Amino acid sequence: MVDVSIIVVSYNSEAHICACIESVLKQQGVTFEIIVVDNNSQDNTVAIIKSFDDHVQLICSDINHGFAKGCNIAALRARGRYLYFLNPDARIAQNNALQVMSQYMADHSQCGFLGARVAKNAQHRGILPRKISHGEQYLGPIFADLPGSIVWVTGASMIISRPLFQQLNGFDEDFFCTKRMMIYVCVFARLDIVVLVLVLNNLIWR
């Protein structure tokens, strides 16, 4: 077992995938594996991924499954204590980010998901885990009883324990893209009395 399985789902990502993978390979203080599911890219994405040889486990699909199913396919192969989902057009800014996030998860057993700040640069406020969900004004009493103040984190940079991911039966494959699916799965995680957490000092460039 390794500490973290980094999961990337790519589709026509040749402009960004090299920088994404290189930022992961620079991570220190943690053991990890990189699993990339390519959703039938029609550009040079696969060739670029293959150039990393044994540093990356590549799973090539003959169709575009979308984000949710791509993540689930990779998770079946993962050996990590934690699963870290990273978008192919993003890169990890700090070389100790995975170590900090996985250690926080280990030290706080009630933490189910942990998200980082996704920004264009250090001065950009970026995308933060949300404290209010879409349509929550109509569902206030339901959300009020759930633990924690953060209701969902972005799938562009998110870490979760593998047992919890399995308990949730992975991501709902009825959602092709990320946003609505992340709201859905985060609500179900909070129903299982876990808390969503933001680590502010970790930046993901996108």
N, C-alpha and C. Protein backbone atom coordinates (compact mmCIF):
# COMPACT_ATOMS: atom_id res chain seq x y z
N MET A 1 0.85 -1.21 0.00
CA MET A 1 0.00 0.00 0.00
C MET A 1 0.88 1.25 0.00
N VAL A 2 0.46 2.26 -0.74
CA VAL A 2 1.12 3.56 -0.73
C VAL A 2 0.24 4.54 0.03
N ASP A 3 0.78 5.71 0.34
CA ASP A 3 0.01 6.71 1.08
C ASP A 3 -1.14 7.27 0.23
N VAL A 4 -0.82 7.67 -0.99
CA VAL A 4 -1.81 8.37 -1.82
C VAL A 4 -1.79 7.84 -3.25
N SER A 5 -2.97 7.58 -3.78
CA SER A 5 -3.13 7.30 -5.21
C SER A 5 -3.63 8.58 -5.87
N ILE A 6 -2.84 9.13 -6.77
CA ILE A 6 -3.25 10.33 -7.50
C ILE A 6 -3.98 9.90 -8.76
N ILE A 7 -5.20 10.36 -8.92
CA ILE A 7 -6.05 9.95 -10.04
C ILE A 7 -6.33 11.16 -10.93
N VAL A 8 -6.01 11.01 -12.21
CA VAL A 8 -6.24 12.06 -13.20
C VAL A 8 -7.06 11.46 -14.33
N VAL A 9 -8.10 12.15 -14.75
CA VAL A 9 -8.89 11.73 -15.91
C VAL A 9 -8.64 12.75 -17.02
N SER A 10 -8.08 12.28 -18.12
CA SER A 10 -7.69 13.20 -19.19
C SER A 10 -8.57 13.02 -20.43
N TYR A 11 -8.71 14.12 -21.16
CA TYR A 11 -9.38 14.09 -22.46
C TYR A 11 -8.85 15.28 -23.27
N ASN A 12 -8.13 14.98 -24.34
CA ASN A 12 -7.53 16.04 -25.17
C ASN A 12 -6.81 17.07 -24.31
N SER A 13 -5.91 16.59 -23.48
CA SER A 13 -5.26 17.43 -22.46
C SER A 13 -3.79 17.68 -22.75
N GLU A 14 -3.39 17.62 -24.03
CA GLU A 14 -1.98 17.71 -24.37
C GLU A 14 -1.32 19.02 -23.92
N ALA A 15 -2.09 20.09 -23.80
CA ALA A 15 -1.52 21.38 -23.43
C ALA A 15 -1.12 21.45 -21.96
N HIS A 16 -1.71 20.57 -21.12
CA HIS A 16 -1.51 20.71 -19.68
C HIS A 16 -1.00 19.45 -18.98
N ILE A 17 -1.18 18.28 -19.57
CA ILE A 17 -0.97 17.04 -18.82
C ILE A 17 0.48 16.85 -18.38
N CYS A 18 1.43 17.32 -19.16
CA CYS A 18 2.84 17.17 -18.78
C CYS A 18 3.14 17.94 -17.49
N ALA A 19 2.72 19.19 -17.42
CA ALA A 19 2.95 20.00 -16.22
C ALA A 19 2.22 19.42 -15.02
N CYS A 20 1.04 18.88 -15.26
CA CYS A 20 0.26 18.26 -14.19
C CYS A 20 1.04 17.09 -13.58
N ILE A 21 1.49 16.17 -14.42
CA ILE A 21 2.20 15.00 -13.92
C ILE A 21 3.53 15.38 -13.28
N GLU A 22 4.24 16.32 -13.88
CA GLU A 22 5.52 16.74 -13.33
C GLU A 22 5.35 17.34 -11.93
N SER A 23 4.26 18.06 -11.70
CA SER A 23 4.03 18.64 -10.38
C SER A 23 3.78 17.56 -9.34
N VAL A 24 3.16 16.45 -9.75
CA VAL A 24 2.94 15.34 -8.83
C VAL A 24 4.25 14.64 -8.52
N LEU A 25 5.08 14.44 -9.52
CA LEU A 25 6.35 13.73 -9.33
C LEU A 25 7.30 14.49 -8.40
N LYS A 26 7.07 15.78 -8.20
CA LYS A 26 7.91 16.58 -7.31
C LYS A 26 7.49 16.47 -5.85
N GLN A 27 6.40 15.77 -5.56
CA GLN A 27 5.89 15.69 -4.20
C GLN A 27 6.87 14.94 -3.29
N GLN A 28 7.01 15.46 -2.07
CA GLN A 28 7.96 14.92 -1.10
C GLN A 28 7.25 14.54 0.19
N GLY A 29 7.86 13.62 0.93
CA GLY A 29 7.35 13.25 2.26
C GLY A 29 6.17 12.32 2.24
N VAL A 30 5.88 11.71 1.10
CA VAL A 30 4.72 10.84 0.99
C VAL A 30 4.99 9.82 -0.13
N THR A 31 4.49 8.61 0.04
CA THR A 31 4.58 7.63 -1.05
C THR A 31 3.32 7.71 -1.88
N PHE A 32 3.46 7.56 -3.19
CA PHE A 32 2.29 7.73 -4.05
C PHE A 32 2.44 6.95 -5.34
N GLU A 33 1.31 6.81 -6.00
CA GLU A 33 1.25 6.26 -7.35
C GLU A 33 0.38 7.20 -8.18
N ILE A 34 0.62 7.24 -9.47
CA ILE A 34 -0.16 8.09 -10.37
C ILE A 34 -0.93 7.19 -11.34
N ILE A 35 -2.23 7.36 -11.38
CA ILE A 35 -3.08 6.60 -12.30
C ILE A 35 -3.82 7.59 -13.19
N VAL A 36 -3.64 7.47 -14.50
CA VAL A 36 -4.34 8.34 -15.44
C VAL A 36 -5.27 7.50 -16.29
N VAL A 37 -6.53 7.88 -16.32
CA VAL A 37 -7.51 7.29 -17.24
C VAL A 37 -7.71 8.27 -18.38
N ASP A 38 -7.36 7.85 -19.57
CA ASP A 38 -7.57 8.73 -20.73
C ASP A 38 -8.86 8.35 -21.44
N ASN A 39 -9.72 9.36 -21.60
CA ASN A 39 -11.05 9.15 -22.17
C ASN A 39 -11.06 9.30 -23.68
N ASN A 40 -10.20 8.50 -24.36
CA ASN A 40 -10.17 8.46 -25.82
C ASN A 40 -9.77 9.80 -26.43
N SER A 41 -8.68 10.37 -25.92
CA SER A 41 -8.17 11.63 -26.47
C SER A 41 -7.82 11.47 -27.94
N GLN A 42 -8.05 12.54 -28.71
CA GLN A 42 -7.75 12.54 -30.14
C GLN A 42 -6.53 13.38 -30.47
N ASP A 43 -5.81 13.84 -29.44
CA ASP A 43 -4.60 14.62 -29.66
C ASP A 43 -3.40 13.81 -29.17
N ASN A 44 -2.35 14.46 -28.70
CA ASN A 44 -1.12 13.77 -28.28
C ASN A 44 -1.07 13.46 -26.78
N THR A 45 -2.22 13.53 -26.12
CA THR A 45 -2.24 13.31 -24.67
C THR A 45 -1.64 11.96 -24.29
N VAL A 46 -2.05 10.91 -24.92
CA VAL A 46 -1.59 9.56 -24.56
C VAL A 46 -0.09 9.43 -24.77
N ALA A 47 0.42 9.96 -25.87
CA ALA A 47 1.86 9.88 -26.14
C ALA A 47 2.65 10.61 -25.06
N ILE A 48 2.16 11.74 -24.61
CA ILE A 48 2.83 12.49 -23.55
C ILE A 48 2.84 11.69 -22.25
N ILE A 49 1.71 11.10 -21.91
CA ILE A 49 1.62 10.31 -20.68
C ILE A 49 2.58 9.12 -20.75
N LYS A 50 2.63 8.47 -21.91
CA LYS A 50 3.51 7.31 -22.07
C LYS A 50 4.98 7.68 -21.92
N SER A 51 5.33 8.94 -22.18
CA SER A 51 6.72 9.37 -22.06
C SER A 51 7.22 9.33 -20.62
N PHE A 52 6.29 9.25 -19.66
CA PHE A 52 6.68 9.15 -18.25
C PHE A 52 6.94 7.71 -17.83
N ASP A 53 6.80 6.78 -18.76
CA ASP A 53 7.13 5.37 -18.55
C ASP A 53 6.43 4.80 -17.31
N ASP A 54 7.20 4.16 -16.45
CA ASP A 54 6.63 3.47 -15.29
C ASP A 54 6.20 4.40 -14.17
N HIS A 55 6.44 5.69 -14.31
CA HIS A 55 6.01 6.64 -13.28
C HIS A 55 4.50 6.83 -13.27
N VAL A 56 3.85 6.44 -14.36
CA VAL A 56 2.40 6.64 -14.50
C VAL A 56 1.75 5.34 -14.96
N GLN A 57 0.68 4.96 -14.29
CA GLN A 57 -0.15 3.85 -14.77
C GLN A 57 -1.22 4.43 -15.69
N LEU A 58 -1.18 4.06 -16.94
CA LEU A 58 -2.11 4.61 -17.93
C LEU A 58 -3.18 3.60 -18.27
N ILE A 59 -4.43 4.03 -18.18
CA ILE A 59 -5.58 3.22 -18.60
C ILE A 59 -6.25 3.95 -19.76
N CYS A 60 -6.24 3.35 -20.92
CA CYS A 60 -6.82 3.98 -22.11
C CYS A 60 -8.22 3.44 -22.37
N SER A 61 -9.15 4.34 -22.51
CA SER A 61 -10.53 3.96 -22.82
C SER A 61 -10.79 4.18 -24.30
N ASP A 62 -11.66 3.38 -24.87
CA ASP A 62 -11.99 3.55 -26.28
C ASP A 62 -13.18 4.48 -26.50
N ILE A 63 -13.75 4.98 -25.40
CA ILE A 63 -14.82 5.98 -25.47
C ILE A 63 -14.59 7.01 -24.36
N ASN A 64 -15.29 8.13 -24.44
CA ASN A 64 -15.21 9.15 -23.40
C ASN A 64 -16.25 8.84 -22.33
N HIS A 65 -15.79 8.28 -21.22
CA HIS A 65 -16.70 7.90 -20.14
C HIS A 65 -17.15 9.09 -19.30
N GLY A 66 -16.46 10.21 -19.39
CA GLY A 66 -16.73 11.32 -18.50
C GLY A 66 -15.91 11.23 -17.23
N PHE A 67 -16.02 12.24 -16.39
CA PHE A 67 -15.19 12.35 -15.19
C PHE A 67 -15.51 11.28 -14.16
N ALA A 68 -16.78 11.11 -13.83
CA ALA A 68 -17.16 10.22 -12.73
C ALA A 68 -16.72 8.78 -12.99
N LYS A 69 -17.09 8.24 -14.14
CA LYS A 69 -16.73 6.86 -14.43
C LYS A 69 -15.23 6.70 -14.60
N GLY A 70 -14.57 7.69 -15.19
CA GLY A 70 -13.12 7.63 -15.31
C GLY A 70 -12.45 7.52 -13.96
N CYS A 71 -12.92 8.30 -13.00
CA CYS A 71 -12.38 8.24 -11.63
C CYS A 71 -12.64 6.88 -11.01
N ASN A 72 -13.83 6.35 -11.20
CA ASN A 72 -14.17 5.05 -10.62
C ASN A 72 -13.30 3.94 -11.20
N ILE A 73 -13.02 4.01 -12.50
CA ILE A 73 -12.16 3.01 -13.13
C ILE A 73 -10.78 3.04 -12.50
N ALA A 74 -10.23 4.24 -12.31
CA ALA A 74 -8.91 4.36 -11.71
C ALA A 74 -8.91 3.90 -10.25
N ALA A 75 -9.98 4.21 -9.53
CA ALA A 75 -10.06 3.85 -8.11
C ALA A 75 -10.02 2.35 -7.90
N LEU A 76 -10.53 1.58 -8.86
CA LEU A 76 -10.51 0.13 -8.75
C LEU A 76 -9.08 -0.42 -8.76
N ARG A 77 -8.18 0.29 -9.41
CA ARG A 77 -6.79 -0.13 -9.47
C ARG A 77 -5.95 0.45 -8.33
N ALA A 78 -6.46 1.49 -7.68
CA ALA A 78 -5.68 2.23 -6.69
C ALA A 78 -5.32 1.38 -5.47
N ARG A 79 -4.12 1.63 -4.94
CA ARG A 79 -3.64 0.93 -3.74
C ARG A 79 -3.43 1.88 -2.57
N GLY A 80 -3.70 3.16 -2.76
CA GLY A 80 -3.40 4.15 -1.75
C GLY A 80 -4.37 4.16 -0.58
N ARG A 81 -3.86 4.59 0.55
CA ARG A 81 -4.72 4.79 1.71
C ARG A 81 -5.72 5.92 1.43
N TYR A 82 -5.26 6.90 0.65
CA TYR A 82 -6.11 8.01 0.25
C TYR A 82 -6.12 8.12 -1.27
N LEU A 83 -7.22 8.63 -1.80
CA LEU A 83 -7.35 8.91 -3.22
C LEU A 83 -7.35 10.42 -3.41
N TYR A 84 -6.46 10.89 -4.27
CA TYR A 84 -6.38 12.33 -4.56
C TYR A 84 -6.74 12.54 -6.02
N PHE A 85 -7.84 13.28 -6.26
CA PHE A 85 -8.31 13.55 -7.61
C PHE A 85 -7.81 14.91 -8.06
N LEU A 86 -7.15 14.92 -9.21
CA LEU A 86 -6.54 16.15 -9.73
C LEU A 86 -6.91 16.31 -11.19
N ASN A 87 -7.38 17.48 -11.56
CA ASN A 87 -7.72 17.73 -12.96
C ASN A 87 -6.46 17.78 -13.82
N PRO A 88 -6.55 17.37 -15.08
CA PRO A 88 -5.37 17.36 -15.94
C PRO A 88 -4.87 18.76 -16.30
N ASP A 89 -5.71 19.78 -16.16
CA ASP A 89 -5.28 21.14 -16.46
C ASP A 89 -4.85 21.89 -15.21
N ALA A 90 -4.58 21.14 -14.14
CA ALA A 90 -4.13 21.74 -12.88
C ALA A 90 -2.77 21.18 -12.50
N ARG A 91 -2.05 21.91 -11.66
CA ARG A 91 -0.78 21.40 -11.15
C ARG A 91 -0.63 21.81 -9.70
N ILE A 92 0.06 20.99 -8.94
CA ILE A 92 0.23 21.23 -7.51
C ILE A 92 1.35 22.24 -7.29
N ALA A 93 1.05 23.30 -6.56
CA ALA A 93 2.01 24.40 -6.42
C ALA A 93 3.15 24.09 -5.46
N GLN A 94 2.85 23.43 -4.35
CA GLN A 94 3.88 23.16 -3.34
C GLN A 94 4.30 21.70 -3.36
N ASN A 95 5.60 21.47 -3.12
CA ASN A 95 6.13 20.12 -3.19
C ASN A 95 5.75 19.25 -2.00
N ASN A 96 5.18 19.87 -0.96
CA ASN A 96 4.76 19.09 0.21
C ASN A 96 3.24 19.04 0.37
N ALA A 97 2.51 19.45 -0.67
CA ALA A 97 1.05 19.57 -0.56
C ALA A 97 0.40 18.22 -0.24
N LEU A 98 0.80 17.16 -0.93
CA LEU A 98 0.18 15.85 -0.67
C LEU A 98 0.50 15.36 0.73
N GLN A 99 1.71 15.63 1.20
CA GLN A 99 2.09 15.22 2.54
C GLN A 99 1.24 15.94 3.58
N VAL A 100 1.03 17.24 3.39
CA VAL A 100 0.23 18.03 4.33
C VAL A 100 -1.22 17.54 4.33
N MET A 101 -1.78 17.31 3.16
CA MET A 101 -3.18 16.90 3.08
C MET A 101 -3.40 15.49 3.65
N SER A 102 -2.51 14.56 3.29
CA SER A 102 -2.68 13.20 3.79
C SER A 102 -2.45 13.13 5.30
N GLN A 103 -1.52 13.94 5.82
CA GLN A 103 -1.29 13.95 7.26
C GLN A 103 -2.48 14.53 8.00
N TYR A 104 -3.09 15.57 7.43
CA TYR A 104 -4.29 16.14 8.05
C TYR A 104 -5.39 15.09 8.11
N MET A 105 -5.57 14.34 7.04
CA MET A 105 -6.59 13.30 7.02
C MET A 105 -6.30 12.24 8.09
N ALA A 106 -5.03 11.87 8.24
CA ALA A 106 -4.65 10.86 9.23
C ALA A 106 -4.89 11.34 10.64
N ASP A 107 -4.69 12.65 10.88
CA ASP A 107 -4.83 13.21 12.23
C ASP A 107 -6.26 13.57 12.59
N HIS A 108 -7.16 13.61 11.62
CA HIS A 108 -8.55 14.01 11.87
C HIS A 108 -9.48 12.96 11.25
N SER A 109 -9.83 11.97 12.03
CA SER A 109 -10.58 10.82 11.50
C SER A 109 -11.96 11.20 11.00
N GLN A 110 -12.53 12.31 11.47
CA GLN A 110 -13.87 12.69 11.02
C GLN A 110 -13.84 13.44 9.70
N CYS A 111 -12.64 13.77 9.21
CA CYS A 111 -12.53 14.49 7.94
C CYS A 111 -12.75 13.51 6.80
N GLY A 112 -13.79 13.72 6.02
CA GLY A 112 -14.10 12.82 4.91
C GLY A 112 -13.45 13.26 3.61
N PHE A 113 -13.67 14.51 3.23
CA PHE A 113 -13.04 15.09 2.04
C PHE A 113 -12.16 16.25 2.48
N LEU A 114 -11.10 16.48 1.74
CA LEU A 114 -10.27 17.65 2.00
C LEU A 114 -9.95 18.30 0.66
N GLY A 115 -10.20 19.59 0.58
CA GLY A 115 -9.95 20.32 -0.66
C GLY A 115 -8.91 21.40 -0.48
N ALA A 116 -8.29 21.80 -1.57
CA ALA A 116 -7.31 22.88 -1.56
C ALA A 116 -7.86 24.08 -2.33
N ARG A 117 -7.18 25.20 -2.22
CA ARG A 117 -7.57 26.38 -2.98
C ARG A 117 -7.07 26.23 -4.41
N VAL A 118 -7.97 26.35 -5.37
CA VAL A 118 -7.61 26.22 -6.78
C VAL A 118 -7.57 27.62 -7.38
N ALA A 119 -6.37 28.07 -7.78
CA ALA A 119 -6.20 29.46 -8.20
C ALA A 119 -5.31 29.55 -9.44
N LYS A 120 -5.35 30.71 -10.09
CA LYS A 120 -4.50 30.96 -11.24
C LYS A 120 -3.07 31.30 -10.82
N ASN A 121 -2.94 31.93 -9.65
CA ASN A 121 -1.63 32.28 -9.11
C ASN A 121 -1.79 32.61 -7.63
N ALA A 122 -0.70 32.95 -6.96
CA ALA A 122 -0.74 33.16 -5.51
C ALA A 122 -1.61 34.35 -5.12
N GLN A 123 -1.79 35.32 -6.03
CA GLN A 123 -2.60 36.50 -5.72
C GLN A 123 -4.09 36.29 -6.00
N HIS A 124 -4.40 35.24 -6.72
CA HIS A 124 -5.79 34.99 -7.11
C HIS A 124 -6.52 34.26 -5.99
N ARG A 125 -7.71 34.74 -5.64
CA ARG A 125 -8.48 34.11 -4.57
C ARG A 125 -8.82 32.67 -4.92
N GLY A 126 -9.16 32.44 -6.18
CA GLY A 126 -9.37 31.09 -6.65
C GLY A 126 -10.72 30.50 -6.26
N ILE A 127 -10.84 29.19 -6.53
CA ILE A 127 -12.05 28.44 -6.21
C ILE A 127 -11.87 27.81 -4.84
N LEU A 128 -12.78 28.13 -3.94
CA LEU A 128 -12.72 27.59 -2.59
C LEU A 128 -13.86 26.61 -2.36
N PRO A 129 -13.67 25.62 -1.49
CA PRO A 129 -14.80 24.76 -1.09
C PRO A 129 -15.96 25.62 -0.62
N ARG A 130 -17.16 25.25 -1.02
CA ARG A 130 -18.33 26.09 -0.80
C ARG A 130 -18.97 25.87 0.57
N LYS A 131 -19.45 26.96 1.17
CA LYS A 131 -20.17 26.87 2.44
C LYS A 131 -21.67 26.93 2.24
N ILE A 132 -22.10 27.08 1.01
CA ILE A 132 -23.52 27.03 0.70
C ILE A 132 -23.67 26.34 -0.65
N SER A 133 -24.64 25.48 -0.79
CA SER A 133 -24.81 24.71 -2.02
C SER A 133 -25.93 25.31 -2.85
N HIS A 134 -25.93 24.98 -4.14
CA HIS A 134 -26.98 25.47 -5.04
C HIS A 134 -28.35 24.96 -4.57
N GLY A 135 -29.28 25.89 -4.42
CA GLY A 135 -30.62 25.52 -4.01
C GLY A 135 -30.77 25.27 -2.53
N GLU A 136 -29.71 25.57 -1.74
CA GLU A 136 -29.79 25.26 -0.32
C GLU A 136 -30.85 26.09 0.40
N GLN A 137 -31.17 27.27 -0.16
CA GLN A 137 -32.18 28.08 0.49
C GLN A 137 -33.53 27.37 0.56
N TYR A 138 -33.73 26.37 -0.32
CA TYR A 138 -34.96 25.62 -0.32
C TYR A 138 -34.86 24.35 0.52
N LEU A 139 -33.65 24.02 0.95
CA LEU A 139 -33.41 22.77 1.69
C LEU A 139 -32.72 23.05 3.03
N GLY A 140 -32.88 24.25 3.53
CA GLY A 140 -32.19 24.67 4.74
C GLY A 140 -32.25 23.69 5.90
N PRO A 141 -33.42 23.22 6.30
CA PRO A 141 -33.51 22.30 7.44
C PRO A 141 -32.71 21.02 7.24
N ILE A 142 -32.61 20.54 6.01
CA ILE A 142 -31.86 19.31 5.74
C ILE A 142 -30.37 19.56 5.94
N PHE A 143 -29.86 20.63 5.34
CA PHE A 143 -28.44 20.93 5.43
C PHE A 143 -28.04 21.36 6.83
N ALA A 144 -28.95 21.97 7.56
CA ALA A 144 -28.63 22.49 8.89
C ALA A 144 -28.22 21.38 9.85
N ASP A 145 -28.70 20.18 9.64
CA ASP A 145 -28.41 19.08 10.55
C ASP A 145 -27.16 18.30 10.17
N LEU A 146 -26.55 18.64 9.04
CA LEU A 146 -25.37 17.91 8.59
C LEU A 146 -24.11 18.49 9.24
N PRO A 147 -23.09 17.66 9.48
CA PRO A 147 -21.89 18.13 10.18
C PRO A 147 -21.02 19.03 9.32
N GLY A 148 -20.31 19.94 9.99
CA GLY A 148 -19.36 20.80 9.29
C GLY A 148 -20.02 21.97 8.61
N SER A 149 -19.20 22.97 8.23
CA SER A 149 -19.73 24.18 7.60
C SER A 149 -19.50 24.20 6.09
N ILE A 150 -18.65 23.33 5.57
CA ILE A 150 -18.38 23.29 4.13
C ILE A 150 -19.26 22.22 3.50
N VAL A 151 -19.98 22.59 2.43
CA VAL A 151 -20.95 21.65 1.87
C VAL A 151 -20.43 20.90 0.65
N TRP A 152 -19.45 21.47 -0.07
CA TRP A 152 -18.87 20.70 -1.16
C TRP A 152 -17.50 21.26 -1.54
N VAL A 153 -16.67 20.36 -2.06
CA VAL A 153 -15.33 20.75 -2.51
C VAL A 153 -15.24 20.49 -4.02
N THR A 154 -14.33 21.18 -4.67
CA THR A 154 -14.19 21.02 -6.11
C THR A 154 -13.46 19.72 -6.44
N GLY A 155 -13.90 19.05 -7.49
CA GLY A 155 -13.25 17.83 -7.93
C GLY A 155 -11.92 18.07 -8.62
N ALA A 156 -11.55 19.35 -8.84
CA ALA A 156 -10.27 19.66 -9.48
C ALA A 156 -9.10 19.31 -8.57
N SER A 157 -9.32 19.32 -7.26
CA SER A 157 -8.28 18.98 -6.29
C SER A 157 -8.97 18.54 -5.01
N MET A 158 -9.02 17.23 -4.78
CA MET A 158 -9.76 16.71 -3.64
C MET A 158 -9.15 15.39 -3.20
N ILE A 159 -9.01 15.21 -1.88
CA ILE A 159 -8.50 13.97 -1.34
C ILE A 159 -9.56 13.34 -0.44
N ILE A 160 -9.68 12.04 -0.50
CA ILE A 160 -10.67 11.30 0.28
C ILE A 160 -10.05 9.97 0.69
N SER A 161 -10.45 9.44 1.83
CA SER A 161 -9.95 8.12 2.22
C SER A 161 -10.54 7.07 1.29
N ARG A 162 -9.75 6.06 0.94
CA ARG A 162 -10.24 5.03 0.02
C ARG A 162 -11.43 4.26 0.62
N PRO A 163 -11.41 3.90 1.93
CA PRO A 163 -12.58 3.22 2.49
C PRO A 163 -13.87 4.03 2.38
N LEU A 164 -13.79 5.35 2.58
CA LEU A 164 -14.99 6.17 2.46
C LEU A 164 -15.46 6.20 1.00
N PHE A 165 -14.54 6.32 0.07
CA PHE A 165 -14.89 6.32 -1.34
C PHE A 165 -15.61 5.02 -1.72
N GLN A 166 -15.11 3.92 -1.19
CA GLN A 166 -15.75 2.62 -1.44
C GLN A 166 -17.12 2.54 -0.78
N GLN A 167 -17.22 3.10 0.43
CA GLN A 167 -18.49 3.10 1.16
C GLN A 167 -19.55 3.89 0.39
N LEU A 168 -19.13 4.95 -0.29
CA LEU A 168 -20.04 5.78 -1.09
C LEU A 168 -20.29 5.18 -2.47
N ASN A 169 -19.67 4.02 -2.74
CA ASN A 169 -19.76 3.38 -4.06
C ASN A 169 -19.22 4.27 -5.17
N GLY A 170 -18.17 5.01 -4.80
CA GLY A 170 -17.51 5.86 -5.78
C GLY A 170 -18.37 7.04 -6.19
N PHE A 171 -18.03 7.62 -7.34
CA PHE A 171 -18.80 8.74 -7.88
C PHE A 171 -19.99 8.20 -8.68
N ASP A 172 -21.08 8.96 -8.68
CA ASP A 172 -22.28 8.57 -9.41
C ASP A 172 -22.04 8.76 -10.91
N GLU A 173 -22.05 7.67 -11.65
CA GLU A 173 -21.72 7.73 -13.07
C GLU A 173 -22.84 8.30 -13.92
N ASP A 174 -23.98 8.59 -13.32
CA ASP A 174 -25.05 9.28 -14.05
C ASP A 174 -24.67 10.73 -14.34
N PHE A 175 -23.67 11.25 -13.59
CA PHE A 175 -23.19 12.61 -13.80
C PHE A 175 -21.96 12.53 -14.69
N PHE A 176 -22.04 13.08 -15.90
CA PHE A 176 -20.93 13.01 -16.84
C PHE A 176 -19.80 13.94 -16.42
N CYS A 177 -20.16 15.13 -15.96
CA CYS A 177 -19.16 16.13 -15.56
C CYS A 177 -19.09 16.25 -14.05
N THR A 178 -18.40 17.28 -13.56
CA THR A 178 -17.95 17.29 -12.18
C THR A 178 -18.88 17.96 -11.19
N LYS A 179 -19.38 19.16 -11.50
CA LYS A 179 -19.92 20.05 -10.47
C LYS A 179 -21.11 19.44 -9.72
N ARG A 180 -22.15 19.06 -10.44
CA ARG A 180 -23.34 18.52 -9.78
C ARG A 180 -23.03 17.20 -9.08
N MET A 181 -22.14 16.42 -9.68
CA MET A 181 -21.77 15.14 -9.08
C MET A 181 -21.07 15.36 -7.74
N MET A 182 -20.20 16.39 -7.65
CA MET A 182 -19.49 16.65 -6.40
C MET A 182 -20.45 17.11 -5.31
N ILE A 183 -21.42 17.93 -5.65
CA ILE A 183 -22.43 18.35 -4.67
C ILE A 183 -23.16 17.13 -4.13
N TYR A 184 -23.55 16.25 -5.03
CA TYR A 184 -24.30 15.04 -4.68
C TYR A 184 -23.49 14.15 -3.74
N VAL A 185 -22.25 13.84 -4.11
CA VAL A 185 -21.46 12.90 -3.31
C VAL A 185 -21.06 13.52 -1.97
N CYS A 186 -20.85 14.82 -1.93
CA CYS A 186 -20.49 15.47 -0.67
C CYS A 186 -21.65 15.45 0.33
N VAL A 187 -22.86 15.62 -0.18
CA VAL A 187 -24.03 15.54 0.71
C VAL A 187 -24.13 14.14 1.31
N PHE A 188 -23.94 13.12 0.50
CA PHE A 188 -24.03 11.75 1.02
C PHE A 188 -22.91 11.45 2.01
N ALA A 189 -21.75 12.02 1.79
CA ALA A 189 -20.66 11.83 2.75
C ALA A 189 -21.01 12.47 4.09
N ARG A 190 -21.61 13.67 4.05
CA ARG A 190 -21.99 14.33 5.30
C ARG A 190 -23.12 13.60 6.00
N LEU A 191 -23.96 12.92 5.26
CA LEU A 191 -24.99 12.10 5.88
C LEU A 191 -24.37 10.96 6.69
N ASP A 192 -23.16 10.56 6.30
CA ASP A 192 -22.43 9.54 7.04
C ASP A 192 -21.58 10.15 8.16
N ILE A 193 -21.88 11.40 8.51
CA ILE A 193 -21.24 12.11 9.64
C ILE A 193 -19.74 12.26 9.42
N VAL A 194 -19.37 12.73 8.24
CA VAL A 194 -17.99 13.14 8.02
C VAL A 194 -18.00 14.63 7.69
N VAL A 195 -16.85 15.25 7.88
CA VAL A 195 -16.72 16.69 7.71
C VAL A 195 -15.85 16.98 6.49
N LEU A 196 -16.21 18.03 5.76
CA LEU A 196 -15.42 18.49 4.62
C LEU A 196 -14.53 19.63 5.09
N VAL A 197 -13.27 19.59 4.70
CA VAL A 197 -12.28 20.53 5.23
C VAL A 197 -11.52 21.20 4.09
N LEU A 198 -11.14 22.46 4.31
CA LEU A 198 -10.30 23.22 3.39
C LEU A 198 -8.94 23.46 4.02
N VAL A 199 -7.86 23.17 3.29
CA VAL A 199 -6.52 23.53 3.73
C VAL A 199 -6.09 24.75 2.93
N LEU A 200 -6.13 25.92 3.56
CA LEU A 200 -5.94 27.18 2.84
C LEU A 200 -4.53 27.38 2.31
N ASN A 201 -3.52 26.78 2.97
CA ASN A 201 -2.16 27.08 2.54
C ASN A 201 -1.72 26.23 1.34
N ASN A 202 -2.59 25.36 0.85
CA ASN A 202 -2.26 24.57 -0.33
C ASN A 202 -2.92 25.19 -1.56
N LEU A 203 -2.10 25.44 -2.57
CA LEU A 203 -2.58 26.06 -3.79
C LEU A 203 -2.44 25.10 -4.97
N ILE A 204 -3.43 25.10 -5.82
CA ILE A 204 -3.37 24.36 -7.07
C ILE A 204 -3.50 25.38 -8.19
N TRP A 205 -2.49 25.44 -9.06
CA TRP A 205 -2.57 26.37 -10.20
C TRP A 205 -3.43 25.75 -11.28
N ARG A 206 -4.27 26.57 -11.88
CA ARG A 206 -5.13 26.06 -12.96
C ARG A 206 -5.31 27.13 -14.02
